[in-house]
């Protein structure tokens, strides 16, 4: 059941499943909280209270009132949600832009964030690889499609990017994408989505050295957003204080491994929480 949290500037939609230690799930740009639809029951069965939130301007969250949708903005929304639910500290699982938001939340509210799991995260300033663009087709296509989304404001190019970013499709992929296209076709939704592209990961990168909780970075080896996803994951961990971060790679995974490989991602997140956070 969808619930809403009113905060300055609008309201955030979320739902809660299960009982136990709190884990908050936050999706990436141009998506909605249902991208975690396969992971939520797995995490709840593992004895966790799972809160999945729609990013500001996305899904069922309000739109039109948000001046920006940056990692710092989303971090503040997630911290507000943890405070509202009252079961903190919590582990935050952040995908893509929300991976950077999880970092900022951990750095700015250490009393409310006990661990972070970054899934395909954009947490550092993007460095494009010229050799990668020349050599690696998935990376070249991903960069070109995202440039088209940003420059042409093209929903069709976004849907083509998503098709690339899921090297293997979930059984309900067609239905999910039909529903997502309908959501992004609502008046004003595409404009909200495009606000995310006016922000930089620099705020999250600056926060990496300031975190004090354990962190797990999960990447798919076929993520089209990086020429070398494993190197990006290790670069994020290297910027954290020594000993806090670890990397897990999912072979054949794209950018949306939480939906493409939900059992693996849920198992990694659960093991991380049990061994590094609750131990």
Protein backbone atom coordinates (compact mmCIF):
# COMPACT_ATOMS: atom_id res chain seq x y z
CA UNK A 1 0.00 0.00 0.00
CA UNK A 2 1.39 3.38 -0.99
CA UNK A 3 2.05 5.81 1.84
CA UNK A 4 3.23 9.39 1.61
CA UNK A 5 5.69 11.54 3.54
CA UNK A 6 5.25 15.29 3.28
CA UNK A 7 8.54 17.16 3.26
CA UNK A 8 9.61 20.65 2.25
CA UNK A 9 8.88 21.01 -1.45
CA UNK A 10 6.49 18.11 -1.94
CA UNK A 11 5.81 14.56 -0.87
CA UNK A 12 7.56 11.24 -1.24
CA UNK A 13 5.70 8.00 -1.99
CA UNK A 14 6.82 4.77 -0.35
CA UNK A 15 5.63 1.39 0.88
CA UNK A 16 6.80 -0.87 3.69
CA UNK A 17 6.96 -4.68 3.75
CA UNK A 18 8.07 -7.04 6.52
CA UNK A 19 9.35 -6.70 10.08
CA UNK A 20 12.84 -6.39 11.50
CA UNK A 21 15.82 -4.09 11.01
CA UNK A 22 15.04 -1.29 8.57
CA UNK A 23 16.41 -1.27 5.03
CA UNK A 24 15.46 1.55 2.65
CA UNK A 25 15.52 1.05 -1.14
CA UNK A 26 15.94 4.00 -3.51
CA UNK A 27 15.89 3.68 -7.32
CA UNK A 28 17.72 5.57 -10.05
CA UNK A 29 16.69 8.19 -12.60
CA UNK A 30 13.69 7.73 -14.85
CA UNK A 31 12.39 4.74 -12.91
CA UNK A 32 10.14 3.98 -9.93
CA UNK A 33 10.31 1.96 -6.74
CA UNK A 34 8.81 -1.13 -8.42
CA UNK A 35 12.22 -1.80 -9.97
CA UNK A 36 12.88 -3.52 -6.62
CA UNK A 37 9.75 -5.68 -7.01
CA UNK A 38 11.67 -8.97 -6.94
CA UNK A 39 14.07 -7.99 -4.15
CA UNK A 40 11.50 -6.75 -1.64
CA UNK A 41 9.97 -10.16 -0.82
CA UNK A 42 13.45 -11.73 -0.63
CA UNK A 43 14.62 -9.14 1.87
CA UNK A 44 11.39 -9.38 3.88
CA UNK A 45 11.78 -13.17 4.08
CA UNK A 46 15.28 -12.58 5.43
CA UNK A 47 13.73 -10.80 8.42
CA UNK A 48 14.01 -7.18 7.33
CA UNK A 49 11.58 -4.27 7.32
CA UNK A 50 11.81 -3.05 3.74
CA UNK A 51 10.84 0.50 2.77
CA UNK A 52 10.90 1.18 -0.98
CA UNK A 53 10.64 4.85 -1.92
CA UNK A 54 9.91 6.74 -5.13
CA UNK A 55 12.54 9.39 -5.82
CA UNK A 56 11.22 12.96 -5.77
CA UNK A 57 9.47 13.72 -9.06
CA UNK A 58 9.26 10.01 -9.95
CA UNK A 59 6.68 7.25 -9.57
CA UNK A 60 3.91 8.36 -7.24
CA UNK A 61 5.96 11.12 -5.59
CA UNK A 62 4.82 14.66 -6.28
CA UNK A 63 6.21 16.74 -9.13
CA UNK A 64 6.42 20.34 -10.16
CA UNK A 65 7.56 21.73 -6.81
CA UNK A 66 11.10 20.34 -6.72
CA UNK A 67 13.70 22.94 -7.71
CA UNK A 68 16.27 20.20 -8.25
CA UNK A 69 16.71 16.43 -8.02
CA UNK A 70 20.32 16.03 -6.97
CA UNK A 71 22.05 13.37 -4.90
CA UNK A 72 22.08 15.79 -1.97
CA UNK A 73 18.32 16.35 -2.39
CA UNK A 74 17.57 12.62 -2.51
CA UNK A 75 19.85 11.99 0.49
CA UNK A 76 17.82 14.47 2.52
CA UNK A 77 14.59 12.76 1.47
CA UNK A 78 15.91 9.35 2.52
CA UNK A 79 17.09 10.65 5.89
CA UNK A 80 13.66 12.24 6.41
CA UNK A 81 12.00 8.92 5.60
CA UNK A 82 14.19 7.02 8.08
CA UNK A 83 13.34 9.57 10.77
CA UNK A 84 9.65 9.29 9.90
CA UNK A 85 9.63 5.49 10.09
CA UNK A 86 11.37 5.67 13.45
CA UNK A 87 13.30 2.41 13.19
CA UNK A 88 16.73 3.81 12.45
CA UNK A 89 19.53 3.47 12.03
CA UNK A 90 18.85 1.88 8.65
CA UNK A 91 20.77 0.41 5.76
CA UNK A 92 20.20 2.30 2.50
CA UNK A 93 20.28 0.47 -0.83
CA UNK A 94 20.73 3.09 -3.54
CA UNK A 95 20.74 2.43 -7.27
CA UNK A 96 22.55 4.67 -9.78
CA UNK A 97 21.99 8.31 -8.69
CA UNK A 98 20.66 7.02 -5.38
CA UNK A 99 23.97 5.24 -4.78
CA UNK A 100 25.52 8.67 -4.50
CA UNK A 101 22.59 9.80 -2.37
CA UNK A 102 23.22 6.90 0.02
CA UNK A 103 26.83 8.05 0.40
CA UNK A 104 25.75 11.59 1.25
CA UNK A 105 23.12 10.35 3.70
CA UNK A 106 25.73 8.21 5.48
CA UNK A 107 28.16 11.13 5.67
CA UNK A 108 25.62 13.70 6.88
CA UNK A 109 23.44 11.56 9.18
CA UNK A 110 25.72 8.83 10.60
CA UNK A 111 23.36 8.28 13.52
CA UNK A 112 20.58 7.24 11.11
CA UNK A 113 22.55 5.25 8.51
CA UNK A 114 24.24 2.06 9.67
CA UNK A 115 25.34 0.81 6.25
CA UNK A 116 25.04 1.52 2.54
CA UNK A 117 24.70 -0.72 -0.50
CA UNK A 118 25.42 1.05 -3.77
CA UNK A 119 24.08 -0.73 -6.87
CA UNK A 120 25.52 0.45 -10.20
CA UNK A 121 26.21 3.77 -8.51
CA UNK A 122 27.03 7.14 -9.98
CA UNK A 123 28.99 8.32 -6.94
CA UNK A 124 32.05 9.93 -8.52
CA UNK A 125 32.54 12.56 -11.21
CA UNK A 126 32.04 10.82 -14.55
CA UNK A 127 35.22 10.26 -16.54
CA UNK A 128 34.53 9.18 -20.11
CA UNK A 129 36.88 6.67 -21.70
CA UNK A 130 37.86 7.49 -25.28
CA UNK A 131 39.44 4.09 -25.78
CA UNK A 132 36.32 2.49 -24.29
CA UNK A 133 34.11 4.39 -26.73
CA UNK A 134 36.20 3.05 -29.59
CA UNK A 135 36.53 -0.54 -28.35
CA UNK A 136 33.41 -1.41 -26.35
CA UNK A 137 30.10 -1.41 -28.18
CA UNK A 138 27.79 -1.55 -25.14
CA UNK A 139 29.59 1.42 -23.59
CA UNK A 140 29.53 3.43 -26.83
CA UNK A 141 25.83 2.75 -27.33
CA UNK A 142 25.03 3.61 -23.72
CA UNK A 143 26.85 6.94 -23.84
CA UNK A 144 25.24 7.91 -27.15
CA UNK A 145 21.73 6.99 -26.03
CA UNK A 146 22.06 8.89 -22.75
CA UNK A 147 23.38 11.91 -24.65
CA UNK A 148 20.30 11.69 -26.87
CA UNK A 149 17.98 11.58 -23.87
CA UNK A 150 19.64 14.65 -22.40
CA UNK A 151 19.94 16.71 -25.57
CA UNK A 152 16.72 15.71 -27.34
CA UNK A 153 14.55 15.07 -24.25
CA UNK A 154 13.65 11.80 -25.93
CA UNK A 155 11.58 9.20 -24.09
CA UNK A 156 12.11 6.77 -26.96
CA UNK A 157 15.88 6.99 -26.55
CA UNK A 158 15.49 6.39 -22.82
CA UNK A 159 13.51 3.23 -23.50
CA UNK A 160 16.21 2.11 -25.96
CA UNK A 161 18.84 2.73 -23.30
CA UNK A 162 16.88 0.59 -20.84
CA UNK A 163 16.74 -2.22 -23.38
CA UNK A 164 20.55 -2.08 -23.56
CA UNK A 165 20.96 -1.80 -19.79
CA UNK A 166 19.11 -5.12 -19.25
CA UNK A 167 21.37 -7.66 -21.05
CA UNK A 168 18.96 -10.34 -19.82
CA UNK A 169 15.32 -9.45 -19.33
CA UNK A 170 13.08 -10.40 -16.38
CA UNK A 171 10.01 -12.42 -17.34
CA UNK A 172 7.78 -9.35 -16.89
CA UNK A 173 10.13 -6.96 -18.71
CA UNK A 174 7.65 -5.98 -21.46
CA UNK A 175 4.84 -5.27 -19.00
CA UNK A 176 7.16 -3.34 -16.67
CA UNK A 177 8.46 -1.16 -19.49
CA UNK A 178 4.94 -0.50 -20.79
CA UNK A 179 3.95 0.72 -17.33
CA UNK A 180 7.13 2.79 -16.98
CA UNK A 181 6.59 4.43 -20.37
CA UNK A 182 3.03 5.29 -19.34
CA UNK A 183 4.30 6.80 -16.09
CA UNK A 184 6.94 8.92 -17.86
CA UNK A 185 4.32 10.02 -20.41
CA UNK A 186 2.22 11.69 -17.70
CA UNK A 187 2.24 15.49 -18.06
CA UNK A 188 5.29 16.84 -16.25
CA UNK A 189 7.00 13.51 -15.51
CA UNK A 190 9.62 13.75 -18.25
CA UNK A 191 10.52 17.26 -17.10
CA UNK A 192 11.09 15.94 -13.59
CA UNK A 193 13.23 13.10 -14.92
CA UNK A 194 15.35 15.56 -16.90
CA UNK A 195 16.09 17.55 -13.73
CA UNK A 196 18.27 14.64 -12.61
CA UNK A 197 20.54 15.21 -15.62
CA UNK A 198 21.27 18.77 -14.55
CA UNK A 199 23.16 17.52 -11.49
CA UNK A 200 26.67 16.21 -10.94
CA UNK A 201 27.97 13.35 -8.75
CA UNK A 202 30.60 15.74 -7.34
CA UNK A 203 28.65 16.14 -4.08
CA UNK A 204 28.63 12.36 -3.56
CA UNK A 205 32.28 12.00 -4.49
CA UNK A 206 33.20 14.64 -1.90
CA UNK A 207 31.22 12.72 0.74
CA UNK A 208 32.98 9.37 0.19
CA UNK A 209 35.91 10.11 2.56
CA UNK A 210 33.48 11.20 5.28
CA UNK A 211 31.40 8.05 5.67
CA UNK A 212 31.88 6.01 8.84
CA UNK A 213 29.66 2.98 8.18
CA UNK A 214 30.30 -0.22 6.21
CA UNK A 215 29.61 -0.03 2.48
CA UNK A 216 29.07 -2.54 -0.31
CA UNK A 217 29.33 -1.60 -4.00
CA UNK A 218 27.64 -4.04 -6.41
CA UNK A 219 28.22 -3.77 -10.15
CA UNK A 220 27.27 -5.80 -13.20
CA UNK A 221 30.14 -6.70 -15.50
CA UNK A 222 28.08 -5.64 -18.54
CA UNK A 223 26.88 -2.28 -17.20
CA UNK A 224 26.85 0.03 -20.25
CA UNK A 225 27.52 3.16 -18.22
CA UNK A 226 31.20 2.37 -17.72
CA UNK A 227 33.89 1.00 -19.97
CA UNK A 228 35.23 -0.91 -16.94
CA UNK A 229 32.52 -1.31 -14.27
CA UNK A 230 34.86 -3.18 -11.92
CA UNK A 231 37.42 -0.38 -12.00
CA UNK A 232 34.66 2.15 -11.23
CA UNK A 233 33.47 0.08 -8.25
CA UNK A 234 36.99 -0.19 -6.85
CA UNK A 235 37.54 3.53 -7.43
CA UNK A 236 34.50 4.32 -5.29
CA UNK A 237 35.72 2.05 -2.49
CA UNK A 238 39.24 3.48 -2.69
CA UNK A 239 37.84 6.94 -1.93
CA UNK A 240 36.19 5.68 1.28
CA UNK A 241 38.05 5.41 4.59
CA UNK A 242 40.18 2.27 4.62
CA UNK A 243 38.39 -0.95 5.49
CA UNK A 244 34.81 0.30 5.12
CA UNK A 245 34.04 -0.61 1.52
CA UNK A 246 33.90 -3.88 -0.40
CA UNK A 247 33.07 -4.70 -4.03
CA UNK A 248 30.88 -7.46 -5.47
CA UNK A 249 30.65 -8.05 -9.22
CA UNK A 250 27.76 -9.89 -10.90
CA UNK A 251 28.84 -11.61 -14.09
CA UNK A 252 26.65 -10.70 -17.06
CA UNK A 253 24.75 -8.09 -15.08
CA UNK A 254 23.76 -4.78 -16.63
CA UNK A 255 22.84 -1.51 -14.93
CA UNK A 256 19.61 -2.87 -13.41
CA UNK A 257 20.96 -5.90 -11.59
CA UNK A 258 18.39 -5.48 -8.80
CA UNK A 259 15.74 -6.55 -11.36
CA UNK A 260 17.88 -8.65 -13.70
CA UNK A 261 19.59 -10.65 -10.91
CA UNK A 262 17.44 -9.96 -7.82
CA UNK A 263 18.28 -13.15 -5.94
CA UNK A 264 22.01 -12.45 -6.17
CA UNK A 265 21.69 -8.80 -5.18
CA UNK A 266 19.32 -9.63 -2.30
CA UNK A 267 21.68 -12.35 -1.04
CA UNK A 268 24.65 -9.98 -1.19
CA UNK A 269 22.74 -7.24 0.63
CA UNK A 270 21.45 -9.63 3.29
CA UNK A 271 24.87 -11.16 3.89
CA UNK A 272 26.42 -7.69 4.09
CA UNK A 273 23.86 -6.57 6.64
CA UNK A 274 24.25 -9.70 8.78
CA UNK A 275 28.05 -9.81 8.68
CA UNK A 276 29.03 -6.12 8.55
CA UNK A 277 26.15 -4.17 10.08
CA UNK A 278 24.27 -6.30 12.62
CA UNK A 279 27.16 -8.53 13.70
